[in-house]
PDB file of N, CA and C in Angstrom:
ATOM      1  N   MET A   1     158.834 200.771-111.986  1.00  0.00           N
ATOM      2  CA  MET A   1     160.537 201.400-111.187  1.00  0.00           C
ATOM      3  C   MET A   1     161.881 200.779-111.832  1.00  0.00           C
ATOM      4  N   GLY A   2     161.846 201.937-110.447  1.00  0.00           N
ATOM      5  CA  GLY A   2     163.524 202.723-111.360  1.00  0.00           C
ATOM      6  C   GLY A   2     164.144 202.226-109.964  1.00  0.00           C
ATOM      7  N   LYS A   3     165.653 201.979-110.486  1.00  0.00           N
ATOM      8  CA  LYS A   3     166.970 201.833-110.479  1.00  0.00           C
ATOM      9  C   LYS A   3     167.331 202.107-108.795  1.00  0.00           C
ATOM     10  N   ARG A   4     167.000 201.582-108.535  1.00  0.00           N
ATOM     11  CA  ARG A   4     168.251 201.875-106.766  1.00  0.00           C
ATOM     12  C   ARG A   4     169.082 203.004-106.599  1.00  0.00           C
ATOM     13  N   LYS A   5     169.138 204.245-106.037  1.00  0.00           N
ATOM     14  CA  LYS A   5     170.642 204.887-106.433  1.00  0.00           C
ATOM     15  C   LYS A   5     171.608 204.060-105.588  1.00  0.00           C
ATOM     16  N   SER A   6     172.861 203.841-106.123  1.00  0.00           N
ATOM     17  CA  SER A   6     173.834 203.169-105.389  1.00  0.00           C
ATOM     18  C   SER A   6     174.893 204.480-104.697  1.00  0.00           C
ATOM     19  N   ARG A   7     175.140 204.356-103.727  1.00  0.00           N
ATOM     20  CA  ARG A   7     176.013 205.317-103.224  1.00  0.00           C
ATOM     21  C   ARG A   7     177.498 205.561-103.892  1.00  0.00           C
ATOM     22  N   ALA A   8     177.675 206.969-103.897  1.00  0.00           N
ATOM     23  CA  ALA A   8     179.155 207.081-104.759  1.00  0.00           C
ATOM     24  C   ALA A   8     180.397 207.507-103.250  1.00  0.00           C
ATOM     25  N   LYS A   9     181.701 206.234-103.527  1.00  0.00           N
ATOM     26  CA  LYS A   9     182.227 206.003-103.714  1.00  0.00           C
ATOM     27  C   LYS A   9     183.322 207.165-102.916  1.00  0.00           C
ATOM     28  N   PRO A  10     183.232 207.482-102.549  1.00  0.00           N
ATOM     29  CA  PRO A  10     184.552 208.904-101.536  1.00  0.00           C
ATOM     30  C   PRO A  10     185.578 208.822-103.171  1.00  0.00           C
ATOM     31  N   PRO A  11     186.073 209.851-102.982  1.00  0.00           N
ATOM     32  CA  PRO A  11     187.691 209.307-103.843  1.00  0.00           C
ATOM     33  C   PRO A  11     188.593 209.206-103.445  1.00  0.00           C
ATOM     34  N   PRO A  12     189.775 209.236-104.200  1.00  0.00           N
ATOM     35  CA  PRO A  12     190.516 208.058-103.005  1.00  0.00           C
ATOM     36  C   PRO A  12     191.892 209.248-102.267  1.00  0.00           C
ATOM     37  N   LYS A  13     192.616 209.295-101.507  1.00  0.00           N
ATOM     38  CA  LYS A  13     193.045 209.886-101.025  1.00  0.00           C
ATOM     39  C   LYS A  13     194.476 210.513-101.101  1.00  0.00           C
ATOM     40  N   LYS A  14     195.122 211.635-101.856  1.00  0.00           N
ATOM     41  CA  LYS A  14     195.980 211.535-102.560  1.00  0.00           C
ATOM     42  C   LYS A  14     197.517 211.526-101.166  1.00  0.00           C
ATOM     43  N   SER A  15     198.059 210.784-102.047  1.00  0.00           N
ATOM     44  CA  SER A  15     199.745 210.617-101.623  1.00  0.00           C
ATOM     45  C   SER A  15     200.006 211.415-101.545  1.00  0.00           C
ATOM     46  N   LEU A  16     201.261 212.209-100.904  1.00  0.00           N
ATOM     47  CA  LEU A  16     202.410 212.871-100.720  1.00  0.00           C
ATOM     48  C   LEU A  16     203.128 212.761-101.709  1.00  0.00           C
ATOM     49  N   LYS A  17     203.908 212.781-103.034  1.00  0.00           N
ATOM     50  CA  LYS A  17     205.166 212.832-103.113  1.00  0.00           C
ATOM     51  C   LYS A  17     206.281 213.495-102.569  1.00  0.00           C
ATOM     52  N   LEU A  18     207.421 212.366-102.485  1.00  0.00           N
ATOM     53  CA  LEU A  18     208.537 212.936-102.064  1.00  0.00           C
ATOM     54  C   LEU A  18     209.883 213.455-103.124  1.00  0.00           C
ATOM     55  N   ASP A  19     210.350 214.743-102.362  1.00  0.00           N
ATOM     56  CA  ASP A  19     211.376 214.536-103.287  1.00  0.00           C
ATOM     57  C   ASP A  19     212.066 213.720-103.210  1.00  0.00           C
ATOM     58  N   THR A  20     213.027 213.680-104.964  1.00  0.00           N
ATOM     59  CA  THR A  20     214.070 212.531-104.802  1.00  0.00           C
ATOM     60  C   THR A  20     215.691 213.087-105.373  1.00  0.00           C
ATOM     61  N   VAL A  21     215.503 214.668-105.397  1.00  0.00           N
ATOM     62  CA  VAL A  21     216.851 215.013-105.485  1.00  0.00           C
ATOM     63  C   VAL A  21     216.549 216.720-104.836  1.00  0.00           C
ATOM     64  N   PHE A  22     218.133 216.684-104.921  1.00  0.00           N
ATOM     65  CA  PHE A  22     218.530 217.738-103.452  1.00  0.00           C
ATOM     66  C   PHE A  22     219.698 218.441-104.165  1.00  0.00           C
ATOM     67  N   SER A  23     219.935 219.673-103.720  1.00  0.00           N
ATOM     68  CA  SER A  23     220.737 220.643-103.472  1.00  0.00           C
ATOM     69  C   SER A  23     221.847 219.987-102.858  1.00  0.00           C
ATOM     70  N   CYS A  24     222.904 220.103-103.252  1.00  0.00           N
ATOM     71  CA  CYS A  24     224.111 219.225-102.558  1.00  0.00           C
ATOM     72  C   CYS A  24     224.656 220.739-101.632  1.00  0.00           C
ATOM     73  N   PRO A  25     225.654 219.970-100.503  1.00  0.00           N
ATOM     74  CA  PRO A  25     225.443 220.518 -99.961  1.00  0.00           C
ATOM     75  C   PRO A  25     227.010 221.470 -99.732  1.00  0.00           C
ATOM     76  N   PHE A  26     228.177 221.126-100.573  1.00  0.00           N
ATOM     77  CA  PHE A  26     229.404 220.568-100.779  1.00  0.00           C
ATOM     78  C   PHE A  26     229.426 222.204-101.870  1.00  0.00           C
ATOM     79  N   CYS A  27     228.249 221.663-103.073  1.00  0.00           N
ATOM     80  CA  CYS A  27     228.864 222.216-104.558  1.00  0.00           C
ATOM     81  C   CYS A  27     227.650 223.726-104.175  1.00  0.00           C
ATOM     82  N   ASN A  28     227.174 223.748-103.547  1.00  0.00           N
ATOM     83  CA  ASN A  28     225.671 224.479-103.344  1.00  0.00           C
ATOM     84  C   ASN A  28     224.512 224.471-104.979  1.00  0.00           C
ATOM     85  N   HIS A  29     224.393 222.676-105.607  1.00  0.00           N
ATOM     86  CA  HIS A  29     223.878 222.894-107.161  1.00  0.00           C
ATOM     87  C   HIS A  29     222.548 222.679-106.610  1.00  0.00           C
ATOM     88  N   GLY A  30     221.592 223.270-107.506  1.00  0.00           N
ATOM     89  CA  GLY A  30     220.410 223.135-107.063  1.00  0.00           C
ATOM     90  C   GLY A  30     219.852 221.458-107.985  1.00  0.00           C
ATOM     91  N   THR A  31     219.224 220.755-107.392  1.00  0.00           N
ATOM     92  CA  THR A  31     219.133 219.179-108.316  1.00  0.00           C
ATOM     93  C   THR A  31     220.213 218.731-108.483  1.00  0.00           C
ATOM     94  N   SER A  32     221.022 218.994-107.783  1.00  0.00           N
ATOM     95  CA  SER A  32     222.106 218.228-108.403  1.00  0.00           C
ATOM     96  C   SER A  32     222.207 216.865-107.294  1.00  0.00           C
ATOM     97  N   VAL A  33     221.886 216.322-106.239  1.00  0.00           N
ATOM     98  CA  VAL A  33     222.092 215.368-105.507  1.00  0.00           C
ATOM     99  C   VAL A  33     220.763 214.783-105.678  1.00  0.00           C
ATOM    100  N   GLU A  34     221.176 213.166-106.595  1.00  0.00           N
ATOM    101  CA  GLU A  34     219.871 211.749-106.501  1.00  0.00           C
ATOM    102  C   GLU A  34     220.225 210.851-105.749  1.00  0.00           C
ATOM    103  N   CYS A  35     219.031 210.422-104.954  1.00  0.00           N
ATOM    104  CA  CYS A  35     219.158 209.670-104.216  1.00  0.00           C
ATOM    105  C   CYS A  35     218.911 208.181-104.119  1.00  0.00           C
ATOM    106  N   ARG A  36     219.736 206.861-104.316  1.00  0.00           N
ATOM    107  CA  ARG A  36     219.068 205.674-104.230  1.00  0.00           C
ATOM    108  C   ARG A  36     218.764 204.641-103.446  1.00  0.00           C
ATOM    109  N   ILE A  37     218.511 203.545-103.411  1.00  0.00           N
ATOM    110  CA  ILE A  37     218.506 203.106-102.407  1.00  0.00           C
ATOM    111  C   ILE A  37     217.689 201.551-103.272  1.00  0.00           C
ATOM    112  N   ASP A  38     219.085 200.468-101.976  1.00  0.00           N
ATOM    113  CA  ASP A  38     219.276 199.839-102.671  1.00  0.00           C
ATOM    114  C   ASP A  38     218.660 198.579-101.554  1.00  0.00           C
ATOM    115  N   MET A  39     217.303 198.089-101.749  1.00  0.00           N
ATOM    116  CA  MET A  39     216.464 197.052-100.745  1.00  0.00           C
ATOM    117  C   MET A  39     217.399 195.961-100.590  1.00  0.00           C
ATOM    118  N   LYS A  40     217.713 195.131-101.554  1.00  0.00           N
ATOM    119  CA  LYS A  40     219.128 193.769-101.759  1.00  0.00           C
ATOM    120  C   LYS A  40     219.832 194.548-100.741  1.00  0.00           C
ATOM    121  N   ASN A  41     221.222 195.062-100.687  1.00  0.00           N
ATOM    122  CA  ASN A  41     221.991 194.675 -99.567  1.00  0.00           C
ATOM    123  C   ASN A  41     221.360 196.352 -98.486  1.00  0.00           C
ATOM    124  N   LEU A  42     220.487 196.820 -98.705  1.00  0.00           N
ATOM    125  CA  LEU A  42     219.511 197.576 -97.192  1.00  0.00           C
ATOM    126  C   LEU A  42     221.157 198.987 -97.408  1.00  0.00           C
ATOM    127  N   ILE A  43     220.944 199.291 -98.286  1.00  0.00           N
ATOM    128  CA  ILE A  43     222.085 200.581 -98.789  1.00  0.00           C
ATOM    129  C   ILE A  43     221.567 201.889 -98.759  1.00  0.00           C
ATOM    130  N   GLY A  44     221.251 202.826 -98.784  1.00  0.00           N
ATOM    131  CA  GLY A  44     221.058 203.958 -99.297  1.00  0.00           C
ATOM    132  C   GLY A  44     222.343 205.081 -99.522  1.00  0.00           C
ATOM    133  N   GLU A  45     222.658 205.403-100.588  1.00  0.00           N
ATOM    134  CA  GLU A  45     223.351 206.444-101.706  1.00  0.00           C
ATOM    135  C   GLU A  45     222.754 207.875-101.637  1.00  0.00           C
ATOM    136  N   ALA A  46     223.370 209.216-101.413  1.00  0.00           N
ATOM    137  CA  ALA A  46     223.283 210.176-101.976  1.00  0.00           C
ATOM    138  C   ALA A  46     224.842 210.461-103.086  1.00  0.00           C
ATOM    139  N   ILE A  47     224.254 210.719-103.926  1.00  0.00           N
ATOM    140  CA  ILE A  47     225.425 210.630-105.392  1.00  0.00           C
ATOM    141  C   ILE A  47     225.431 212.383-105.598  1.00  0.00           C
ATOM    142  N   CYS A  48     226.705 213.225-105.371  1.00  0.00           N
ATOM    143  CA  CYS A  48     226.152 215.041-106.495  1.00  0.00           C
ATOM    144  C   CYS A  48     226.837 213.809-107.016  1.00  0.00           C
ATOM    145  N   ARG A  49     225.965 215.030-108.889  1.00  0.00           N
ATOM    146  CA  ARG A  49     226.154 215.197-109.866  1.00  0.00           C
ATOM    147  C   ARG A  49     227.354 215.536-110.704  1.00  0.00           C
ATOM    148  N   ILE A  50     227.152 216.549-110.018  1.00  0.00           N
ATOM    149  CA  ILE A  50     228.236 217.982-109.866  1.00  0.00           C
ATOM    150  C   ILE A  50     229.759 217.746-110.151  1.00  0.00           C
ATOM    151  N   CYS A  51     229.657 217.409-108.501  1.00  0.00           N
ATOM    152  CA  CYS A  51     231.151 217.802-107.447  1.00  0.00           C
ATOM    153  C   CYS A  51     231.115 216.053-107.173  1.00  0.00           C
ATOM    154  N   GLN A  52     230.540 215.349-107.402  1.00  0.00           N
ATOM    155  CA  GLN A  52     231.068 214.136-107.064  1.00  0.00           C
ATOM    156  C   GLN A  52     231.190 213.179-105.910  1.00  0.00           C
ATOM    157  N   GLU A  53     230.344 214.413-104.521  1.00  0.00           N
ATOM    158  CA  GLU A  53     230.515 213.889-103.476  1.00  0.00           C
ATOM    159  C   GLU A  53     229.779 212.557-103.410  1.00  0.00           C
ATOM    160  N   ASN A  54     229.805 211.842-101.844  1.00  0.00           N
ATOM    161  CA  ASN A  54     229.361 210.785-102.262  1.00  0.00           C
ATOM    162  C   ASN A  54     228.549 210.864-100.527  1.00  0.00           C
ATOM    163  N   PHE A  55     227.269 210.117 -99.498  1.00  0.00           N
ATOM    164  CA  PHE A  55     227.138 209.292 -99.045  1.00  0.00           C
ATOM    165  C   PHE A  55     226.159 208.153 -99.081  1.00  0.00           C
ATOM    166  N   SER A  56     226.663 207.204 -97.975  1.00  0.00           N
ATOM    167  CA  SER A  56     226.344 205.828 -97.570  1.00  0.00           C
ATOM    168  C   SER A  56     225.968 205.442 -96.333  1.00  0.00           C
ATOM    169  N   THR A  57     224.518 205.072 -96.508  1.00  0.00           N
ATOM    170  CA  THR A  57     224.720 204.494 -95.067  1.00  0.00           C
ATOM    171  C   THR A  57     223.405 203.495 -94.733  1.00  0.00           C
ATOM    172  N   THR A  58     222.700 203.161 -94.013  1.00  0.00           N
ATOM    173  CA  THR A  58     222.106 201.854 -94.292  1.00  0.00           C
ATOM    174  C   THR A  58     220.576 202.682 -93.601  1.00  0.00           C
ATOM    175  N   VAL A  59     219.923 201.257 -94.710  1.00  0.00           N
ATOM    176  CA  VAL A  59     218.045 201.964 -94.779  1.00  0.00           C
ATOM    177  C   VAL A  59     217.280 200.672 -94.706  1.00  0.00           C
ATOM    178  N   THR A  60     215.725 200.977 -93.863  1.00  0.00           N
ATOM    179  CA  THR A  60     214.664 199.577 -93.449  1.00  0.00           C
ATOM    180  C   THR A  60     214.277 199.778 -94.723  1.00  0.00           C
ATOM    181  N   ALA A  61     213.114 199.027 -94.140  1.00  0.00           N
ATOM    182  CA  ALA A  61     212.307 198.905 -95.085  1.00  0.00           C
ATOM    183  C   ALA A  61     211.646 200.027 -95.552  1.00  0.00           C
ATOM    184  N   LEU A  62     211.419 200.929 -94.089  1.00  0.00           N
ATOM    185  CA  LEU A  62     210.386 202.779 -94.197  1.00  0.00           C
ATOM    186  C   LEU A  62     211.260 203.487 -94.859  1.00  0.00           C
ATOM    187  N   THR A  63     212.545 203.013 -95.165  1.00  0.00           N
ATOM    188  CA  THR A  63     213.232 204.575 -95.672  1.00  0.00           C
ATOM    189  C   THR A  63     212.672 205.224 -96.853  1.00  0.00           C
ATOM    190  N   GLU A  64     212.742 206.699 -96.919  1.00  0.00           N
ATOM    191  CA  GLU A  64     212.580 207.137 -98.264  1.00  0.00           C
ATOM    192  C   GLU A  64     214.061 207.856 -98.746  1.00  0.00           C
ATOM    193  N   ALA A  65     213.913 208.558 -99.766  1.00  0.00           N
ATOM    194  CA  ALA A  65     215.092 209.419-100.060  1.00  0.00           C
ATOM    195  C   ALA A  65     215.683 210.399 -99.205  1.00  0.00           C
ATOM    196  N   ILE A  66     214.238 211.520 -98.960  1.00  0.00           N
ATOM    197  CA  ILE A  66     214.148 212.390 -98.055  1.00  0.00           C
ATOM    198  C   ILE A  66     215.069 211.623 -96.891  1.00  0.00           C
ATOM    199  N   ASP A  67     215.105 211.166 -96.113  1.00  0.00           N
ATOM    200  CA  ASP A  67     215.579 210.400 -95.227  1.00  0.00           C
ATOM    201  C   ASP A  67     217.350 210.118 -95.048  1.00  0.00           C
ATOM    202  N   ILE A  68     217.490 209.520 -97.043  1.00  0.00           N
ATOM    203  CA  ILE A  68     219.243 209.967 -96.283  1.00  0.00           C
ATOM    204  C   ILE A  68     219.811 210.689 -96.618  1.00  0.00           C
ATOM    205  N   TYR A  69     219.323 211.745 -97.244  1.00  0.00           N
ATOM    206  CA  TYR A  69     219.633 213.268 -97.618  1.00  0.00           C
ATOM    207  C   TYR A  69     219.625 214.498 -95.906  1.00  0.00           C
ATOM    208  N   SER A  70     218.663 214.129 -95.039  1.00  0.00           N
ATOM    209  CA  SER A  70     218.904 213.931 -94.182  1.00  0.00           C
ATOM    210  C   SER A  70     219.694 213.741 -93.537  1.00  0.00           C
ATOM    211  N   GLU A  71     219.574 212.951 -93.519  1.00  0.00           N
ATOM    212  CA  GLU A  71     221.210 211.791 -92.622  1.00  0.00           C
ATOM    213  C   GLU A  71     222.678 212.574 -92.960  1.00  0.00           C
ATOM    214  N   TRP A  72     222.882 212.657 -94.147  1.00  0.00           N
ATOM    215  CA  TRP A  72     223.897 213.538 -94.718  1.00  0.00           C
ATOM    216  C   TRP A  72     224.345 214.464 -94.494  1.00  0.00           C
ATOM    217  N   ILE A  73     222.556 215.861 -94.035  1.00  0.00           N
ATOM    218  CA  ILE A  73     222.952 217.321 -94.125  1.00  0.00           C
ATOM    219  C   ILE A  73     223.592 217.295 -92.089  1.00  0.00           C
ATOM    220  N   ASP A  74     222.544 216.112 -91.430  1.00  0.00           N
ATOM    221  CA  ASP A  74     222.444 215.919 -89.889  1.00  0.00           C
ATOM    222  C   ASP A  74     224.947 215.770 -89.973  1.00  0.00           C
ATOM    223  N   GLU A  75     224.767 214.536 -91.168  1.00  0.00           N
ATOM    224  CA  GLU A  75     226.930 214.153 -90.459  1.00  0.00           C
ATOM    225  C   GLU A  75     227.050 215.433 -90.993  1.00  0.00           C
ATOM    226  N   CYS A  76     227.085 216.397 -91.922  1.00  0.00           N
ATOM    227  CA  CYS A  76     227.979 217.420 -92.282  1.00  0.00           C
ATOM    228  C   CYS A  76     227.732 218.365 -91.629  1.00  0.00           C
ATOM    229  N   GLU A  77     226.842 218.504 -90.908  1.00  0.00           N
ATOM    230  CA  GLU A  77     226.723 219.415 -90.118  1.00  0.00           C
ATOM    231  C   GLU A  77     227.310 218.945 -88.236  1.00  0.00           C
ATOM    232  N   ARG A  78     227.203 217.409 -87.962  1.00  0.00           N
ATOM    233  CA  ARG A  78     228.287 217.355 -87.441  1.00  0.00           C
ATOM    234  C   ARG A  78     229.884 217.134 -86.771  1.00  0.00           C
ATOM    235  N   VAL A  79     230.152 217.096 -87.909  1.00  0.00           N
ATOM    236  CA  VAL A  79     231.787 217.101 -88.466  1.00  0.00           C
ATOM    237  C   VAL A  79     231.708 218.024 -88.619  1.00  0.00           C
ATOM    238  N   ASN A  80     231.259 219.415 -88.602  1.00  0.00           N
ATOM    239  CA  ASN A  80     232.030 220.783 -89.007  1.00  0.00           C
ATOM    240  C   ASN A  80     231.256 221.017 -87.363  1.00  0.00           C
ATOM    241  N   THR A  81     230.323 220.446 -86.467  1.00  0.00           N
ATOM    242  CA  THR A  81     230.748 221.769 -85.264  1.00  0.00           C
ATOM    243  C   THR A  81     232.061 220.456 -84.346  1.00  0.00           C
ATOM    244  N   VAL A  82     232.355 219.424 -84.922  1.00  0.00           N
ATOM    245  CA  VAL A  82     233.133 218.510 -84.073  1.00  0.00           C
ATOM    246  C   VAL A  82     234.880 219.913 -84.347  1.00  0.00           C
ATOM    247  N   GLU A  83     234.552 219.590 -86.011  1.00  0.00           N
ATOM    248  CA  GLU A  83     235.776 220.586 -86.118  1.00  0.00           C
ATOM    249  C   GLU A  83     236.139 221.969 -85.791  1.00  0.00           C
ATOM    250  N   ASP A  84     234.444 222.564 -85.345  1.00  0.00           N
ATOM    251  CA  ASP A  84     234.570 224.212 -84.432  1.00  0.00           C
ATOM    252  C   ASP A  84     235.026 223.439 -83.060  1.00  0.00           C
ATOM    253  N   ASP A  85     234.727 223.149 -82.162  1.00  0.00           N
ATOM    254  CA  ASP A  85     235.402 222.708 -81.328  1.00  0.00           C
ATOM    255  C   ASP A  85     236.648 222.498 -80.809  1.00  0.00           C
ATOM    256  N   ALA A  86     237.173 221.533 -81.923  1.00  0.00           N
ATOM    257  CA  ALA A  86     238.657 221.297 -81.864  1.00  0.00           C
ATOM    258  C   ALA A  86     239.419 222.684 -82.104  1.00  0.00           C
ATOM    259  N   GLU A  87     238.752 223.756 -82.660  1.00  0.00           N
ATOM    260  CA  GLU A  87     239.653 224.961 -82.907  1.00  0.00           C
ATOM    261  C   GLU A  87     239.705 225.706 -81.718  1.00  0.00           C
TER     262      GLU A  87
END
């Protein structure tokens, strides 16, 4: 008598890795912006290592580094369009 064949388990799903370093919108240096998330104080911060520009925002449990960087870019665009409208 032989053993029964066990069913093969499906391979685990690959999780998508998101970036944590980005290019700076001010000095345009690639991979110089690092995003940090402080869940204790619910603050997310993006800092450029080259030109020392920074951006802070509030975060939730679902916030990722790309979300902080995207908010920074959106805020930069919003400020630039307000200045263009004023002129």
